[in-house]
Amino acid sequence: MSIEFKVQFSAKTTLDKLKGVRNQLAKLPVDSYNYWVSITPVDTGNARRNTTLRGSDIRADYPYAQRLDTGWSKQYGGKGMTEPTKKYIRDRVRQITGQQLTGKK
């Protein structure tokens, strides 16, 4: 899975705000991995145990990963993991850039 985001800044953006955004965005792969694992359906725990983060790549290293991701298990609404994680990432990027750059909480 590869997701790319384009973030633009105005000329009024301060260096401190940019550093804050960069620091928060640097944490996003780990946050996304933790979210992915939290919504991975559980039967024996094998799927969660065999999901790893390598660099910024989430890897589901078990034979039925695609099946789980297409909603085979109805646990957690049967939505799989990729689409909810993509939404989580989009929402976090908006939250991080909006909070840091506008000063809103």
PDB file of N, CA and C in Angstrom:
ATOM      1  N   MET A   1       0.847  -1.163   0.000  1.00  0.00           N
ATOM      2  CA  MET A   1       0.000   0.000   0.000  1.00  0.00           C
ATOM      3  C   MET A   1       0.889   1.221   0.000  1.00  0.00           C
ATOM      4  N   SER A   2       0.615   2.146  -0.856  1.00  0.00           N
ATOM      5  CA  SER A   2       1.377   3.382  -0.906  1.00  0.00           C
ATOM      6  C   SER A   2       0.393   4.532  -0.977  1.00  0.00           C
ATOM      7  N   ILE A   3       0.526   5.470  -0.070  1.00  0.00           N
ATOM      8  CA  ILE A   3      -0.354   6.630  -0.035  1.00  0.00           C
ATOM      9  C   ILE A   3       0.527   7.861  -0.037  1.00  0.00           C
ATOM     10  N   GLU A   4       0.248   8.783  -0.931  1.00  0.00           N
ATOM     11  CA  GLU A   4       1.019  10.014  -0.989  1.00  0.00           C
ATOM     12  C   GLU A   4       0.100  11.191  -0.712  1.00  0.00           C
ATOM     13  N   PHE A   5       0.627  12.179   0.014  1.00  0.00           N
ATOM     14  CA  PHE A   5      -0.128  13.379   0.322  1.00  0.00           C
ATOM     15  C   PHE A   5       0.684  14.594  -0.093  1.00  0.00           C
ATOM     16  N   LYS A   6       0.007  15.597  -0.563  1.00  0.00           N
ATOM     17  CA  LYS A   6       0.650  16.853  -0.917  1.00  0.00           C
ATOM     18  C   LYS A   6       0.197  17.881   0.107  1.00  0.00           C
ATOM     19  N   VAL A   7       1.149  18.490   0.778  1.00  0.00           N
ATOM     20  CA  VAL A   7       0.840  19.497   1.789  1.00  0.00           C
ATOM     21  C   VAL A   7       1.455  20.804   1.331  1.00  0.00           C
ATOM     22  N   GLN A   8       0.649  21.854   1.258  1.00  0.00           N
ATOM     23  CA  GLN A   8       1.141  23.160   0.828  1.00  0.00           C
ATOM     24  C   GLN A   8       1.076  24.138   1.991  1.00  0.00           C
ATOM     25  N   PHE A   9       2.016  25.067   2.004  1.00  0.00           N
ATOM     26  CA  PHE A   9       2.082  26.057   3.064  1.00  0.00           C
ATOM     27  C   PHE A   9       2.087  27.446   2.450  1.00  0.00           C
ATOM     28  N   SER A  10       1.560  28.404   3.207  1.00  0.00           N
ATOM     29  CA  SER A  10       1.563  29.783   2.733  1.00  0.00           C
ATOM     30  C   SER A  10       2.864  30.463   3.144  1.00  0.00           C
ATOM     31  N   ALA A  11       3.109  31.622   2.584  1.00  0.00           N
ATOM     32  CA  ALA A  11       4.320  32.377   2.907  1.00  0.00           C
ATOM     33  C   ALA A  11       4.302  32.867   4.350  1.00  0.00           C
ATOM     34  N   LYS A  12       3.127  32.896   4.976  1.00  0.00           N
ATOM     35  CA  LYS A  12       3.007  33.367   6.359  1.00  0.00           C
ATOM     36  C   LYS A  12       3.320  32.279   7.384  1.00  0.00           C
ATOM     37  N   THR A  13       3.557  31.078   6.936  1.00  0.00           N
ATOM     38  CA  THR A  13       3.843  29.966   7.838  1.00  0.00           C
ATOM     39  C   THR A  13       5.213  30.168   8.465  1.00  0.00           C
ATOM     40  N   THR A  14       5.263  30.094   9.789  1.00  0.00           N
ATOM     41  CA  THR A  14       6.541  30.298  10.472  1.00  0.00           C
ATOM     42  C   THR A  14       7.352  29.014  10.495  1.00  0.00           C
ATOM     43  N   LEU A  15       8.641  29.175  10.695  1.00  0.00           N
ATOM     44  CA  LEU A  15       9.542  28.031  10.756  1.00  0.00           C
ATOM     45  C   LEU A  15       9.186  27.124  11.935  1.00  0.00           C
ATOM     46  N   ASP A  16       8.829  27.705  13.068  1.00  0.00           N
ATOM     47  CA  ASP A  16       8.446  26.901  14.230  1.00  0.00           C
ATOM     48  C   ASP A  16       7.205  26.058  13.935  1.00  0.00           C
ATOM     49  N   LYS A  17       6.244  26.640  13.254  1.00  0.00           N
ATOM     50  CA  LYS A  17       5.038  25.891  12.905  1.00  0.00           C
ATOM     51  C   LYS A  17       5.377  24.753  11.945  1.00  0.00           C
ATOM     52  N   LEU A  18       6.254  25.031  10.984  1.00  0.00           N
ATOM     53  CA  LEU A  18       6.654  23.990  10.046  1.00  0.00           C
ATOM     54  C   LEU A  18       7.379  22.850  10.755  1.00  0.00           C
ATOM     55  N   LYS A  19       8.213  23.181  11.718  1.00  0.00           N
ATOM     56  CA  LYS A  19       8.916  22.150  12.477  1.00  0.00           C
ATOM     57  C   LYS A  19       7.919  21.292  13.260  1.00  0.00           C
ATOM     58  N   GLY A  20       6.910  21.933  13.833  1.00  0.00           N
ATOM     59  CA  GLY A  20       5.877  21.196  14.559  1.00  0.00           C
ATOM     60  C   GLY A  20       5.120  20.244  13.642  1.00  0.00           C
ATOM     61  N   VAL A  21       4.780  20.722  12.457  1.00  0.00           N
ATOM     62  CA  VAL A  21       4.087  19.883  11.478  1.00  0.00           C
ATOM     63  C   VAL A  21       4.984  18.722  11.078  1.00  0.00           C
ATOM     64  N   ARG A  22       6.233  19.011  10.773  1.00  0.00           N
ATOM     65  CA  ARG A  22       7.169  17.957  10.359  1.00  0.00           C
ATOM     66  C   ARG A  22       7.309  16.901  11.444  1.00  0.00           C
ATOM     67  N   ASN A  23       7.430  17.313  12.691  1.00  0.00           N
ATOM     68  CA  ASN A  23       7.565  16.354  13.797  1.00  0.00           C
ATOM     69  C   ASN A  23       6.331  15.475  13.940  1.00  0.00           C
ATOM     70  N   GLN A  24       5.162  16.074  13.818  1.00  0.00           N
ATOM     71  CA  GLN A  24       3.927  15.299  13.928  1.00  0.00           C
ATOM     72  C   GLN A  24       3.760  14.349  12.744  1.00  0.00           C
ATOM     73  N   LEU A  25       4.091  14.828  11.542  1.00  0.00           N
ATOM     74  CA  LEU A  25       3.969  13.978  10.357  1.00  0.00           C
ATOM     75  C   LEU A  25       4.976  12.834  10.400  1.00  0.00           C
ATOM     76  N   ALA A  26       6.128  13.057  11.020  1.00  0.00           N
ATOM     77  CA  ALA A  26       7.134  11.994  11.141  1.00  0.00           C
ATOM     78  C   ALA A  26       6.616  10.839  11.991  1.00  0.00           C
ATOM     79  N   LYS A  27       5.698  11.117  12.894  1.00  0.00           N
ATOM     80  CA  LYS A  27       5.113  10.081  13.762  1.00  0.00           C
ATOM     81  C   LYS A  27       3.969   9.320  13.074  1.00  0.00           C
ATOM     82  N   LEU A  28       3.537   9.811  11.937  1.00  0.00           N
ATOM     83  CA  LEU A  28       2.357   9.251  11.272  1.00  0.00           C
ATOM     84  C   LEU A  28       2.494   7.778  10.877  1.00  0.00           C
ATOM     85  N   PRO A  29       3.639   7.306  10.378  1.00  0.00           N
ATOM     86  CA  PRO A  29       3.722   5.877  10.062  1.00  0.00           C
ATOM     87  C   PRO A  29       3.461   4.972  11.276  1.00  0.00           C
ATOM     88  N   VAL A  30       4.027   5.309  12.418  1.00  0.00           N
ATOM     89  CA  VAL A  30       3.815   4.491  13.621  1.00  0.00           C
ATOM     90  C   VAL A  30       2.365   4.600  14.078  1.00  0.00           C
ATOM     91  N   ASP A  31       1.817   5.804  14.056  1.00  0.00           N
ATOM     92  CA  ASP A  31       0.412   5.979  14.435  1.00  0.00           C
ATOM     93  C   ASP A  31      -0.511   5.184  13.510  1.00  0.00           C
ATOM     94  N   SER A  32      -0.214   5.216  12.210  1.00  0.00           N
ATOM     95  CA  SER A  32      -1.030   4.497  11.226  1.00  0.00           C
ATOM     96  C   SER A  32      -0.914   2.993  11.421  1.00  0.00           C
ATOM     97  N   TYR A  33       0.295   2.531  11.684  1.00  0.00           N
ATOM     98  CA  TYR A  33       0.510   1.105  11.960  1.00  0.00           C
ATOM     99  C   TYR A  33      -0.298   0.677  13.185  1.00  0.00           C
ATOM    100  N   ASN A  34      -0.231   1.452  14.247  1.00  0.00           N
ATOM    101  CA  ASN A  34      -0.980   1.121  15.465  1.00  0.00           C
ATOM    102  C   ASN A  34      -2.480   1.098  15.194  1.00  0.00           C
ATOM    103  N   TYR A  35      -2.954   2.032  14.379  1.00  0.00           N
ATOM    104  CA  TYR A  35      -4.371   2.049  14.030  1.00  0.00           C
ATOM    105  C   TYR A  35      -4.731   0.800  13.229  1.00  0.00           C
ATOM    106  N   TRP A  36      -3.912   0.486  12.215  1.00  0.00           N
ATOM    107  CA  TRP A  36      -4.133  -0.706  11.372  1.00  0.00           C
ATOM    108  C   TRP A  36      -4.263  -1.950  12.241  1.00  0.00           C
ATOM    109  N   VAL A  37      -3.306  -2.138  13.133  1.00  0.00           N
ATOM    110  CA  VAL A  37      -3.309  -3.322  13.997  1.00  0.00           C
ATOM    111  C   VAL A  37      -4.555  -3.334  14.881  1.00  0.00           C
ATOM    112  N   SER A  38      -4.958  -2.176  15.364  1.00  0.00           N
ATOM    113  CA  SER A  38      -6.121  -2.113  16.262  1.00  0.00           C
ATOM    114  C   SER A  38      -7.422  -2.507  15.565  1.00  0.00           C
ATOM    115  N   ILE A  39      -7.489  -2.330  14.236  1.00  0.00           N
ATOM    116  CA  ILE A  39      -8.721  -2.691  13.518  1.00  0.00           C
ATOM    117  C   ILE A  39      -8.582  -4.015  12.761  1.00  0.00           C
ATOM    118  N   THR A  40      -7.447  -4.695  12.930  1.00  0.00           N
ATOM    119  CA  THR A  40      -7.267  -6.012  12.313  1.00  0.00           C
ATOM    120  C   THR A  40      -8.116  -7.018  13.088  1.00  0.00           C
ATOM    121  N   PRO A  41      -8.989  -7.743  12.411  1.00  0.00           N
ATOM    122  CA  PRO A  41      -9.835  -8.723  13.096  1.00  0.00           C
ATOM    123  C   PRO A  41      -8.997  -9.752  13.862  1.00  0.00           C
ATOM    124  N   VAL A  42      -9.549 -10.225  14.979  1.00  0.00           N
ATOM    125  CA  VAL A  42      -8.839 -11.174  15.832  1.00  0.00           C
ATOM    126  C   VAL A  42      -9.621 -12.479  15.939  1.00  0.00           C
ATOM    127  N   ASP A  43      -8.937 -13.554  15.647  1.00  0.00           N
ATOM    128  CA  ASP A  43      -9.447 -14.894  15.935  1.00  0.00           C
ATOM    129  C   ASP A  43      -8.428 -15.540  16.858  1.00  0.00           C
ATOM    130  N   THR A  44      -7.264 -15.838  16.310  1.00  0.00           N
ATOM    131  CA  THR A  44      -6.184 -16.413  17.126  1.00  0.00           C
ATOM    132  C   THR A  44      -5.128 -15.373  17.475  1.00  0.00           C
ATOM    133  N   GLY A  45      -5.171 -14.210  16.832  1.00  0.00           N
ATOM    134  CA  GLY A  45      -4.164 -13.168  17.054  1.00  0.00           C
ATOM    135  C   GLY A  45      -3.019 -13.235  16.056  1.00  0.00           C
ATOM    136  N   ASN A  46      -3.032 -14.223  15.167  1.00  0.00           N
ATOM    137  CA  ASN A  46      -1.964 -14.395  14.191  1.00  0.00           C
ATOM    138  C   ASN A  46      -1.816 -13.175  13.279  1.00  0.00           C
ATOM    139  N   ALA A  47      -2.926 -12.642  12.800  1.00  0.00           N
ATOM    140  CA  ALA A  47      -2.868 -11.502  11.884  1.00  0.00           C
ATOM    141  C   ALA A  47      -2.223 -10.291  12.555  1.00  0.00           C
ATOM    142  N   ARG A  48      -2.608  -9.999  13.770  1.00  0.00           N
ATOM    143  CA  ARG A  48      -2.009  -8.863  14.471  1.00  0.00           C
ATOM    144  C   ARG A  48      -0.536  -9.102  14.767  1.00  0.00           C
ATOM    145  N   ARG A  49      -0.188 -10.320  15.158  1.00  0.00           N
ATOM    146  CA  ARG A  49       1.218 -10.640  15.457  1.00  0.00           C
ATOM    147  C   ARG A  49       2.099 -10.556  14.226  1.00  0.00           C
ATOM    148  N   ASN A  50       1.539 -10.833  13.068  1.00  0.00           N
ATOM    149  CA  ASN A  50       2.327 -10.882  11.841  1.00  0.00           C
ATOM    150  C   ASN A  50       2.141  -9.661  10.949  1.00  0.00           C
ATOM    151  N   THR A  51       1.678  -8.586  11.537  1.00  0.00           N
ATOM    152  CA  THR A  51       1.635  -7.305  10.853  1.00  0.00           C
ATOM    153  C   THR A  51       2.795  -6.490  11.400  1.00  0.00           C
ATOM    154  N   THR A  52       3.630  -5.990  10.500  1.00  0.00           N
ATOM    155  CA  THR A  52       4.831  -5.273  10.922  1.00  0.00           C
ATOM    156  C   THR A  52       4.926  -3.928  10.225  1.00  0.00           C
ATOM    157  N   LEU A  53       5.749  -3.081  10.789  1.00  0.00           N
ATOM    158  CA  LEU A  53       6.052  -1.787  10.186  1.00  0.00           C
ATOM    159  C   LEU A  53       7.517  -1.813   9.802  1.00  0.00           C
ATOM    160  N   ARG A  54       7.783  -1.633   8.519  1.00  0.00           N
ATOM    161  CA  ARG A  54       9.161  -1.585   8.014  1.00  0.00           C
ATOM    162  C   ARG A  54       9.339  -0.256   7.317  1.00  0.00           C
ATOM    163  N   GLY A  55      10.084   0.611   7.969  1.00  0.00           N
ATOM    164  CA  GLY A  55      10.191   1.976   7.452  1.00  0.00           C
ATOM    165  C   GLY A  55       8.841   2.638   7.616  1.00  0.00           C
ATOM    166  N   SER A  56       8.226   2.989   6.510  1.00  0.00           N
ATOM    167  CA  SER A  56       6.871   3.548   6.571  1.00  0.00           C
ATOM    168  C   SER A  56       5.859   2.605   5.921  1.00  0.00           C
ATOM    169  N   ASP A  57       6.269   1.355   5.683  1.00  0.00           N
ATOM    170  CA  ASP A  57       5.387   0.358   5.063  1.00  0.00           C
ATOM    171  C   ASP A  57       4.773  -0.557   6.114  1.00  0.00           C
ATOM    172  N   ILE A  58       3.462  -0.685   6.050  1.00  0.00           N
ATOM    173  CA  ILE A  58       2.762  -1.644   6.896  1.00  0.00           C
ATOM    174  C   ILE A  58       2.691  -2.939   6.096  1.00  0.00           C
ATOM    175  N   ARG A  59       3.178  -4.015   6.682  1.00  0.00           N
ATOM    176  CA  ARG A  59       3.195  -5.305   5.978  1.00  0.00           C
ATOM    177  C   ARG A  59       2.372  -6.327   6.741  1.00  0.00           C
ATOM    178  N   ALA A  60       1.425  -6.890   6.051  1.00  0.00           N
ATOM    179  CA  ALA A  60       0.587  -7.951   6.606  1.00  0.00           C
ATOM    180  C   ALA A  60       1.142  -9.265   6.074  1.00  0.00           C
ATOM    181  N   ASP A  61       1.992  -9.903   6.878  1.00  0.00           N
ATOM    182  CA  ASP A  61       2.706 -11.107   6.441  1.00  0.00           C
ATOM    183  C   ASP A  61       2.022 -12.373   6.924  1.00  0.00           C
ATOM    184  N   TYR A  62       0.862 -12.667   6.338  1.00  0.00           N
ATOM    185  CA  TYR A  62       0.134 -13.898   6.611  1.00  0.00           C
ATOM    186  C   TYR A  62      -0.723 -14.190   5.389  1.00  0.00           C
ATOM    187  N   PRO A  63      -0.977 -15.457   5.111  1.00  0.00           N
ATOM    188  CA  PRO A  63      -1.589 -15.840   3.832  1.00  0.00           C
ATOM    189  C   PRO A  63      -2.996 -15.299   3.572  1.00  0.00           C
ATOM    190  N   TYR A  64      -3.728 -14.958   4.595  1.00  0.00           N
ATOM    191  CA  TYR A  64      -5.115 -14.521   4.396  1.00  0.00           C
ATOM    192  C   TYR A  64      -5.278 -13.011   4.579  1.00  0.00           C
ATOM    193  N   ALA A  65      -4.196 -12.267   4.446  1.00  0.00           N
ATOM    194  CA  ALA A  65      -4.236 -10.808   4.637  1.00  0.00           C
ATOM    195  C   ALA A  65      -5.200 -10.138   3.663  1.00  0.00           C
ATOM    196  N   GLN A  66      -5.111 -10.504   2.403  1.00  0.00           N
ATOM    197  CA  GLN A  66      -5.995  -9.882   1.416  1.00  0.00           C
ATOM    198  C   GLN A  66      -7.457 -10.202   1.712  1.00  0.00           C
ATOM    199  N   ARG A  67      -7.690 -11.407   2.143  1.00  0.00           N
ATOM    200  CA  ARG A  67      -9.063 -11.807   2.462  1.00  0.00           C
ATOM    201  C   ARG A  67      -9.627 -10.960   3.614  1.00  0.00           C
ATOM    202  N   LEU A  68      -8.823 -10.773   4.659  1.00  0.00           N
ATOM    203  CA  LEU A  68      -9.261  -9.919   5.768  1.00  0.00           C
ATOM    204  C   LEU A  68      -9.476  -8.488   5.290  1.00  0.00           C
ATOM    205  N   ASP A  69      -8.580  -8.020   4.420  1.00  0.00           N
ATOM    206  CA  ASP A  69      -8.653  -6.633   3.979  1.00  0.00           C
ATOM    207  C   ASP A  69      -9.821  -6.370   3.042  1.00  0.00           C
ATOM    208  N   THR A  70     -10.376  -7.402   2.443  1.00  0.00           N
ATOM    209  CA  THR A  70     -11.541  -7.202   1.575  1.00  0.00           C
ATOM    210  C   THR A  70     -12.850  -7.384   2.324  1.00  0.00           C
ATOM    211  N   GLY A  71     -12.766  -7.500   3.653  1.00  0.00           N
ATOM    212  CA  GLY A  71     -13.982  -7.532   4.451  1.00  0.00           C
ATOM    213  C   GLY A  71     -14.530  -8.904   4.744  1.00  0.00           C
ATOM    214  N   TRP A  72     -13.719  -9.934   4.571  1.00  0.00           N
ATOM    215  CA  TRP A  72     -14.167 -11.303   4.844  1.00  0.00           C
ATOM    216  C   TRP A  72     -14.669 -11.436   6.275  1.00  0.00           C
ATOM    217  N   SER A  73     -13.923 -10.903   7.222  1.00  0.00           N
ATOM    218  CA  SER A  73     -14.357 -10.924   8.618  1.00  0.00           C
ATOM    219  C   SER A  73     -15.288  -9.746   8.857  1.00  0.00           C
ATOM    220  N   LYS A  74     -16.388 -10.008   9.508  1.00  0.00           N
ATOM    221  CA  LYS A  74     -17.347  -8.929   9.787  1.00  0.00           C
ATOM    222  C   LYS A  74     -17.027  -8.196  11.091  1.00  0.00           C
ATOM    223  N   GLN A  75     -15.959  -8.623  11.752  1.00  0.00           N
ATOM    224  CA  GLN A  75     -15.513  -7.941  12.965  1.00  0.00           C
ATOM    225  C   GLN A  75     -15.108  -6.515  12.578  1.00  0.00           C
ATOM    226  N   TYR A  76     -15.395  -5.555  13.388  1.00  0.00           N
ATOM    227  CA  TYR A  76     -15.096  -4.137  13.132  1.00  0.00           C
ATOM    228  C   TYR A  76     -15.816  -3.628  11.889  1.00  0.00           C
ATOM    229  N   GLY A  77     -16.960  -4.182  11.584  1.00  0.00           N
ATOM    230  CA  GLY A  77     -17.772  -3.702  10.474  1.00  0.00           C
ATOM    231  C   GLY A  77     -17.439  -4.302   9.125  1.00  0.00           C
ATOM    232  N   GLY A  78     -16.493  -5.221   9.064  1.00  0.00           N
ATOM    233  CA  GLY A  78     -16.153  -5.887   7.807  1.00  0.00           C
ATOM    234  C   GLY A  78     -15.593  -4.960   6.749  1.00  0.00           C
ATOM    235  N   LYS A  79     -14.914  -3.900   7.157  1.00  0.00           N
ATOM    236  CA  LYS A  79     -14.395  -2.921   6.204  1.00  0.00           C
ATOM    237  C   LYS A  79     -12.948  -3.160   5.821  1.00  0.00           C
ATOM    238  N   GLY A  80     -12.334  -4.189   6.380  1.00  0.00           N
ATOM    239  CA  GLY A  80     -10.926  -4.403   6.106  1.00  0.00           C
ATOM    240  C   GLY A  80     -10.076  -3.417   6.878  1.00  0.00           C
ATOM    241  N   MET A  81      -8.830  -3.272   6.472  1.00  0.00           N
ATOM    242  CA  MET A  81      -7.919  -2.381   7.183  1.00  0.00           C
ATOM    243  C   MET A  81      -7.422  -1.226   6.320  1.00  0.00           C
ATOM    244  N   THR A  82      -7.264  -1.448   5.014  1.00  0.00           N
ATOM    245  CA  THR A  82      -6.671  -0.412   4.166  1.00  0.00           C
ATOM    246  C   THR A  82      -7.518   0.848   4.092  1.00  0.00           C
ATOM    247  N   GLU A  83      -8.781   0.723   3.724  1.00  0.00           N
ATOM    248  CA  GLU A  83      -9.621   1.918   3.557  1.00  0.00           C
ATOM    249  C   GLU A  83      -9.781   2.705   4.856  1.00  0.00           C
ATOM    250  N   PRO A  84     -10.080   2.046   5.993  1.00  0.00           N
ATOM    251  CA  PRO A  84     -10.163   2.816   7.238  1.00  0.00           C
ATOM    252  C   PRO A  84      -8.824   3.472   7.616  1.00  0.00           C
ATOM    253  N   THR A  85      -7.707   2.804   7.314  1.00  0.00           N
ATOM    254  CA  THR A  85      -6.403   3.387   7.643  1.00  0.00           C
ATOM    255  C   THR A  85      -6.111   4.577   6.738  1.00  0.00           C
ATOM    256  N   LYS A  86      -6.483   4.497   5.468  1.00  0.00           N
ATOM    257  CA  LYS A  86      -6.312   5.642   4.570  1.00  0.00           C
ATOM    258  C   LYS A  86      -7.117   6.842   5.078  1.00  0.00           C
ATOM    259  N   LYS A  87      -8.342   6.589   5.525  1.00  0.00           N
ATOM    260  CA  LYS A  87      -9.162   7.671   6.083  1.00  0.00           C
ATOM    261  C   LYS A  87      -8.513   8.235   7.341  1.00  0.00           C
ATOM    262  N   TYR A  88      -8.003   7.353   8.195  1.00  0.00           N
ATOM    263  CA  TYR A  88      -7.320   7.782   9.417  1.00  0.00           C
ATOM    264  C   TYR A  88      -6.141   8.700   9.070  1.00  0.00           C
ATOM    265  N   ILE A  89      -5.355   8.316   8.075  1.00  0.00           N
ATOM    266  CA  ILE A  89      -4.188   9.119   7.678  1.00  0.00           C
ATOM    267  C   ILE A  89      -4.634  10.474   7.140  1.00  0.00           C
ATOM    268  N   ARG A  90      -5.629  10.483   6.255  1.00  0.00           N
ATOM    269  CA  ARG A  90      -6.129  11.761   5.724  1.00  0.00           C
ATOM    270  C   ARG A  90      -6.607  12.677   6.841  1.00  0.00           C
ATOM    271  N   ASP A  91      -7.376  12.116   7.777  1.00  0.00           N
ATOM    272  CA  ASP A  91      -7.893  12.913   8.884  1.00  0.00           C
ATOM    273  C   ASP A  91      -6.768  13.448   9.767  1.00  0.00           C
ATOM    274  N   ARG A  92      -5.748  12.603  10.040  1.00  0.00           N
ATOM    275  CA  ARG A  92      -4.619  13.031  10.871  1.00  0.00           C
ATOM    276  C   ARG A  92      -3.812  14.134  10.184  1.00  0.00           C
ATOM    277  N   VAL A  93      -3.592  14.001   8.871  1.00  0.00           N
ATOM    278  CA  VAL A  93      -2.846  15.035   8.145  1.00  0.00           C
ATOM    279  C   VAL A  93      -3.599  16.357   8.217  1.00  0.00           C
ATOM    280  N   ARG A  94      -4.901  16.309   7.997  1.00  0.00           N
ATOM    281  CA  ARG A  94      -5.711  17.542   8.098  1.00  0.00           C
ATOM    282  C   ARG A  94      -5.631  18.119   9.509  1.00  0.00           C
ATOM    283  N   GLN A  95      -5.741  17.241  10.500  1.00  0.00           N
ATOM    284  CA  GLN A  95      -5.697  17.696  11.888  1.00  0.00           C
ATOM    285  C   GLN A  95      -4.329  18.309  12.208  1.00  0.00           C
ATOM    286  N   ILE A  96      -3.266  17.635  11.843  1.00  0.00           N
ATOM    287  CA  ILE A  96      -1.918  18.103  12.146  1.00  0.00           C
ATOM    288  C   ILE A  96      -1.645  19.432  11.441  1.00  0.00           C
ATOM    289  N   THR A  97      -1.911  19.518  10.169  1.00  0.00           N
ATOM    290  CA  THR A  97      -1.600  20.747   9.440  1.00  0.00           C
ATOM    291  C   THR A  97      -2.532  21.883   9.843  1.00  0.00           C
ATOM    292  N   GLY A  98      -3.788  21.573  10.097  1.00  0.00           N
ATOM    293  CA  GLY A  98      -4.731  22.618  10.513  1.00  0.00           C
ATOM    294  C   GLY A  98      -4.423  23.159  11.886  1.00  0.00           C
ATOM    295  N   GLN A  99      -4.144  22.281  12.826  1.00  0.00           N
ATOM    296  CA  GLN A  99      -3.837  22.707  14.198  1.00  0.00           C
ATOM    297  C   GLN A  99      -2.557  23.508  14.249  1.00  0.00           C
ATOM    298  N   GLN A 100      -1.507  22.977  13.677  1.00  0.00           N
ATOM    299  CA  GLN A 100      -0.195  23.600  13.793  1.00  0.00           C
ATOM    300  C   GLN A 100      -0.115  24.921  13.049  1.00  0.00           C
ATOM    301  N   LEU A 101      -0.736  24.982  11.879  1.00  0.00           N
ATOM    302  CA  LEU A 101      -0.569  26.163  11.054  1.00  0.00           C
ATOM    303  C   LEU A 101      -1.531  27.285  11.415  1.00  0.00           C
ATOM    304  N   THR A 102      -2.702  26.929  11.948  1.00  0.00           N
ATOM    305  CA  THR A 102      -3.659  27.984  12.296  1.00  0.00           C
ATOM    306  C   THR A 102      -3.664  28.272  13.792  1.00  0.00           C
ATOM    307  N   GLY A 103      -3.032  27.414  14.574  1.00  0.00           N
ATOM    308  CA  GLY A 103      -3.023  27.581  16.016  1.00  0.00           C
ATOM    309  C   GLY A 103      -4.289  27.077  16.678  1.00  0.00           C
ATOM    310  N   LYS A 104      -5.205  26.461  15.917  1.00  0.00           N
ATOM    311  CA  LYS A 104      -6.453  25.942  16.468  1.00  0.00           C
ATOM    312  C   LYS A 104      -6.212  24.593  17.115  1.00  0.00           C
ATOM    313  N   LYS A 105      -7.059  24.253  18.071  1.00  0.00           N
ATOM    314  CA  LYS A 105      -6.969  22.954  18.721  1.00  0.00           C
ATOM    315  C   LYS A 105      -8.211  22.153  18.489  1.00  0.00           C
TER     316      LYS A 105
END
